[in-house]
Amino acid sequence: QVHVVESGGGSVQPGGSLTLSCAASGLTDNRSPMGWHRQAPGEERELVASITSSDSTFYIDRVKGRFTISRQEDKNTIRLQMNNLKPNDTAVYYCRATDLHVRSDYWGKGTLVTVSS
């Protein structure tokens, strides 16, 4: 059974930083593709950043230069370092892990990030 658990959300002032962590267990491989998505109130969920099995990374334009996604050792554990946060970064952030062998995505329950003065 696959479990995906996020941690590290919270409230911060504009310009501040937060680090989100995600641990996935039960996947076939120990270096699965993973990513961070977010959903702001009244909006659709969007991809923020992703990392492949070989640790290639992708970012949407709005977070390039501010967010960094990384994998911890040879595990299905990733982090999202978020710097210079802006009010429009406020959202529930979800971790997604992909099991390529069964072609399925698994999601965490989400962690709230609030950026406000």
Protein backbone atom coordinates (compact mmCIF):
# COMPACT_ATOMS: atom_id res chain seq x y z
CA GLN A 1 0.00 0.00 0.00
CA VAL A 2 1.34 3.41 -0.97
CA HIS A 3 1.45 6.26 1.52
CA VAL A 4 2.37 9.87 0.72
CA VAL A 5 2.80 12.29 3.61
CA GLU A 6 3.64 16.00 3.44
CA SER A 7 4.91 18.25 6.20
CA GLY A 8 6.27 21.75 6.68
CA GLY A 9 3.43 24.09 5.77
CA GLY A 10 2.58 27.18 7.76
CA SER A 11 2.22 30.94 7.72
CA VAL A 12 4.92 33.36 6.65
CA GLN A 13 5.22 37.01 5.70
CA PRO A 14 5.93 38.06 2.13
CA GLY A 15 9.60 37.60 1.35
CA GLY A 16 9.93 34.78 3.84
CA SER A 17 10.90 31.15 3.34
CA LEU A 18 9.42 27.73 4.04
CA THR A 19 10.55 24.16 3.35
CA LEU A 20 8.05 21.44 2.55
CA SER A 21 8.93 17.75 2.88
CA CYS A 22 7.26 14.68 1.40
CA ALA A 23 7.87 11.01 2.11
CA ALA A 24 6.34 8.28 -0.04
CA SER A 25 6.42 4.60 0.88
CA GLY A 26 5.21 1.45 -0.82
CA LEU A 27 6.29 2.40 -4.35
CA THR A 28 7.93 -0.13 -6.65
CA ASP A 29 11.12 1.91 -7.16
CA ASN A 30 13.03 3.91 -4.56
CA ARG A 31 13.65 6.79 -7.00
CA SER A 32 10.20 7.41 -8.42
CA PRO A 33 9.15 10.56 -10.26
CA MET A 34 7.61 12.97 -7.77
CA GLY A 35 6.27 16.48 -7.74
CA TRP A 36 4.64 19.31 -5.86
CA HIS A 37 1.27 20.69 -6.92
CA ARG A 38 -0.79 23.44 -5.35
CA GLN A 39 -4.38 24.58 -5.27
CA ALA A 40 -5.40 28.08 -4.29
CA PRO A 41 -8.98 28.87 -3.20
CA GLY A 42 -11.32 28.89 -6.19
CA GLU A 43 -8.63 27.70 -8.59
CA GLU A 44 -7.63 24.43 -10.17
CA ARG A 45 -4.71 22.39 -8.90
CA GLU A 46 -1.50 23.19 -10.77
CA LEU A 47 1.94 21.63 -11.02
CA VAL A 48 4.60 23.71 -9.27
CA ALA A 49 7.76 21.63 -9.57
CA SER A 50 8.71 18.06 -10.38
CA ILE A 51 11.71 15.75 -10.23
CA THR A 52 12.35 12.68 -12.38
CA SER A 53 13.88 9.32 -11.47
CA SER A 54 17.24 10.68 -12.64
CA ASP A 55 16.72 13.93 -10.67
CA SER A 56 16.01 16.22 -13.61
CA THR A 57 13.82 19.06 -12.41
CA PHE A 58 11.04 21.22 -13.81
CA TYR A 59 9.51 24.45 -12.48
CA ILE A 60 6.65 26.59 -13.63
CA ASP A 61 7.75 30.09 -14.60
CA ARG A 62 6.16 31.79 -11.60
CA VAL A 63 8.43 29.95 -9.14
CA LYS A 64 11.67 29.72 -11.12
CA GLY A 65 14.55 31.19 -9.16
CA ARG A 66 12.56 31.10 -5.91
CA PHE A 67 11.67 27.43 -5.36
CA THR A 68 14.02 24.42 -5.38
CA ILE A 69 12.90 20.80 -5.48
CA SER A 70 15.34 18.13 -4.33
CA ARG A 71 15.47 14.43 -3.52
CA GLN A 72 16.96 13.15 -0.29
CA GLU A 73 19.48 10.36 -0.98
CA ASP A 74 18.18 7.35 -2.93
CA LYS A 75 14.72 7.57 -1.49
CA ASN A 76 11.22 8.64 -2.34
CA THR A 77 11.64 11.64 -0.10
CA ILE A 78 11.64 15.11 -1.59
CA ARG A 79 11.74 18.67 -0.38
CA LEU A 80 10.56 21.98 -1.76
CA GLN A 81 12.58 24.94 -0.57
CA MET A 82 10.50 28.07 -1.10
CA ASN A 83 12.19 31.48 -0.86
CA ASN A 84 10.95 35.02 -1.41
CA LEU A 85 7.37 33.86 -0.94
CA LYS A 86 4.58 36.02 -2.32
CA PRO A 87 0.91 36.31 -1.34
CA ASN A 88 -0.12 34.51 -4.54
CA ASP A 89 1.90 31.49 -3.42
CA THR A 90 -0.81 30.93 -0.81
CA ALA A 91 -2.34 27.52 -1.45
CA VAL A 92 -2.64 23.97 -0.26
CA TYR A 93 0.46 22.17 -1.49
CA TYR A 94 0.16 18.52 -2.47
CA CYS A 95 2.90 15.97 -3.02
CA ARG A 96 2.48 13.52 -5.88
CA ALA A 97 4.43 10.28 -6.37
CA THR A 98 4.24 8.25 -9.56
CA ASP A 99 4.68 4.50 -9.75
CA LEU A 100 5.76 3.89 -13.35
CA HIS A 101 5.31 0.12 -13.06
CA VAL A 102 1.59 0.38 -12.39
CA ARG A 103 1.18 3.75 -14.13
CA SER A 104 -0.48 5.35 -11.14
CA ASP A 105 -0.17 8.64 -9.29
CA TYR A 106 -0.50 8.80 -5.53
CA TRP A 107 -1.27 11.96 -3.59
CA GLY A 108 -0.76 13.25 -0.10
CA LYS A 109 -3.50 15.03 1.83
CA GLY A 110 -1.85 18.42 1.39
CA THR A 111 -0.28 21.05 3.59
CA LEU A 112 -1.41 24.69 3.78
CA VAL A 113 0.99 27.52 2.98
CA THR A 114 -0.22 31.02 3.80
CA VAL A 115 1.76 34.09 2.77
CA SER A 116 0.37 37.24 4.32
CA SER A 117 1.47 40.36 6.13
